[in-house]
């Protein structure tokens, strides 16, 4: 009878350890995903900063090259 009790106790402890191990793996997986999100977020922010800076420089360059409209020359703004 002790043999069956030992086997049942072994299976129960194995199942409990397996649940703890699965929970630990899920926690590590979420932590890994969080670090990937941090990297992705930083890369997206750097890309957006770069695009904004390039957009501003292109706009300034275009404004220097673009001819002044006749509305600005004659100061006939609509009111």
C-alpha atoms as a PDB file:
ATOM      1  CA  UNK A   1       0.000   0.000   0.000  1.00  0.00           C
ATOM      2  CA  UNK A   2       2.855   2.352   0.689  1.00  0.00           C
ATOM      3  CA  UNK A   3       4.019   1.775  -2.881  1.00  0.00           C
ATOM      4  CA  UNK A   4       0.784   3.230  -4.291  1.00  0.00           C
ATOM      5  CA  UNK A   5       0.894   6.123  -1.833  1.00  0.00           C
ATOM      6  CA  UNK A   6       4.483   6.928  -2.806  1.00  0.00           C
ATOM      7  CA  UNK A   7       3.569   6.798  -6.500  1.00  0.00           C
ATOM      8  CA  UNK A   8       0.571   9.110  -5.966  1.00  0.00           C
ATOM      9  CA  UNK A   9       2.684  11.553  -3.967  1.00  0.00           C
ATOM     10  CA  UNK A  10       5.361  11.531  -6.682  1.00  0.00           C
ATOM     11  CA  UNK A  11       2.816  12.239  -9.419  1.00  0.00           C
ATOM     12  CA  UNK A  12       1.243  15.047  -7.395  1.00  0.00           C
ATOM     13  CA  UNK A  13       4.574  16.697  -6.619  1.00  0.00           C
ATOM     14  CA  UNK A  14       5.617  16.331 -10.267  1.00  0.00           C
ATOM     15  CA  UNK A  15       2.397  18.002 -11.442  1.00  0.00           C
ATOM     16  CA  UNK A  16       2.881  20.827  -8.921  1.00  0.00           C
ATOM     17  CA  UNK A  17       6.491  21.379 -10.029  1.00  0.00           C
ATOM     18  CA  UNK A  18       5.359  21.322 -13.658  1.00  0.00           C
ATOM     19  CA  UNK A  19       2.734  24.037 -12.972  1.00  0.00           C
ATOM     20  CA  UNK A  20       5.344  26.193 -11.215  1.00  0.00           C
ATOM     21  CA  UNK A  21       7.772  25.698 -14.104  1.00  0.00           C
ATOM     22  CA  UNK A  22       5.093  26.651 -16.652  1.00  0.00           C
ATOM     23  CA  UNK A  23       4.238  29.783 -14.662  1.00  0.00           C
ATOM     24  CA  UNK A  24       7.937  30.691 -14.496  1.00  0.00           C
ATOM     25  CA  UNK A  25       8.328  30.162 -18.266  1.00  0.00           C
ATOM     26  CA  UNK A  26       5.301  32.369 -18.987  1.00  0.00           C
ATOM     27  CA  UNK A  27       6.707  35.071 -16.723  1.00  0.00           C
ATOM     28  CA  UNK A  28      10.061  34.941 -18.538  1.00  0.00           C
ATOM     29  CA  UNK A  29       8.319  34.982 -21.912  1.00  0.00           C
ATOM     30  CA  UNK A  30       6.360  38.110 -20.945  1.00  0.00           C
ATOM     31  CA  UNK A  31       9.548  39.763 -19.680  1.00  0.00           C
ATOM     32  CA  UNK A  32      11.241  38.952 -22.985  1.00  0.00           C
ATOM     33  CA  UNK A  33       8.342  40.399 -24.932  1.00  0.00           C
ATOM     34  CA  UNK A  34       8.464  43.519 -22.776  1.00  0.00           C
ATOM     35  CA  UNK A  35      12.147  44.030 -23.615  1.00  0.00           C
ATOM     36  CA  UNK A  36      11.347  43.579 -27.313  1.00  0.00           C
ATOM     37  CA  UNK A  37       8.566  46.171 -26.994  1.00  0.00           C
ATOM     38  CA  UNK A  38      10.990  48.546 -25.293  1.00  0.00           C
ATOM     39  CA  UNK A  39      13.427  48.186 -28.185  1.00  0.00           C
ATOM     40  CA  UNK A  40      10.651  48.561 -30.764  1.00  0.00           C
ATOM     41  CA  UNK A  41       9.304  51.645 -29.005  1.00  0.00           C
ATOM     42  CA  UNK A  42      12.744  53.265 -28.849  1.00  0.00           C
ATOM     43  CA  UNK A  43      13.341  52.518 -32.537  1.00  0.00           C
ATOM     44  CA  UNK A  44       9.947  53.956 -33.499  1.00  0.00           C
ATOM     45  CA  UNK A  45      10.581  57.113 -31.483  1.00  0.00           C
ATOM     46  CA  UNK A  46      14.005  57.608 -33.047  1.00  0.00           C
ATOM     47  CA  UNK A  47      12.523  57.077 -36.510  1.00  0.00           C
ATOM     48  CA  UNK A  48       9.732  59.570 -35.834  1.00  0.00           C
ATOM     49  CA  UNK A  49      12.237  62.146 -34.534  1.00  0.00           C
ATOM     50  CA  UNK A  50      14.335  61.658 -37.664  1.00  0.00           C
ATOM     51  CA  UNK A  51      11.287  62.033 -39.929  1.00  0.00           C
ATOM     52  CA  UNK A  52      10.168  65.188 -38.130  1.00  0.00           C
ATOM     53  CA  UNK A  53      13.639  66.730 -38.378  1.00  0.00           C
ATOM     54  CA  UNK A  54      13.901  65.884 -42.084  1.00  0.00           C
ATOM     55  CA  UNK A  55      10.391  67.204 -42.713  1.00  0.00           C
ATOM     56  CA  UNK A  56      11.273  70.502 -41.062  1.00  0.00           C
ATOM     57  CA  UNK A  57      14.473  70.864 -43.061  1.00  0.00           C
ATOM     58  CA  UNK A  58      12.664  70.019 -46.310  1.00  0.00           C
ATOM     59  CA  UNK A  59       9.933  72.544 -45.525  1.00  0.00           C
ATOM     60  CA  UNK A  60      12.488  75.257 -44.758  1.00  0.00           C
ATOM     61  CA  UNK A  61      14.376  74.490 -47.958  1.00  0.00           C
ATOM     62  CA  UNK A  62      11.151  74.552 -49.969  1.00  0.00           C
ATOM     63  CA  UNK A  63      10.062  77.827 -48.386  1.00  0.00           C
ATOM     64  CA  UNK A  64      13.356  79.460 -49.377  1.00  0.00           C
ATOM     65  CA  UNK A  65      13.045  78.224 -52.969  1.00  0.00           C
ATOM     66  CA  UNK A  66       9.288  78.695 -53.440  1.00  0.00           C
ATOM     67  CA  UNK A  67       8.184  82.005 -54.954  1.00  0.00           C
ATOM     68  CA  UNK A  68       6.214  84.334 -52.741  1.00  0.00           C
ATOM     69  CA  UNK A  69       2.525  84.292 -53.556  1.00  0.00           C
ATOM     70  CA  UNK A  70       0.886  87.405 -54.970  1.00  0.00           C
ATOM     71  CA  UNK A  71      -1.244  87.634 -51.832  1.00  0.00           C
ATOM     72  CA  UNK A  72       1.824  88.235 -49.727  1.00  0.00           C
ATOM     73  CA  UNK A  73       3.323  90.707 -52.186  1.00  0.00           C
ATOM     74  CA  UNK A  74       0.266  92.935 -52.279  1.00  0.00           C
ATOM     75  CA  UNK A  75      -0.813  92.275 -48.703  1.00  0.00           C
ATOM     76  CA  UNK A  76      -4.358  91.562 -49.831  1.00  0.00           C
ATOM     77  CA  UNK A  77      -5.264  89.034 -47.224  1.00  0.00           C
ATOM     78  CA  UNK A  78      -8.849  87.902 -46.893  1.00  0.00           C
ATOM     79  CA  UNK A  79     -10.446  89.030 -43.650  1.00  0.00           C
END
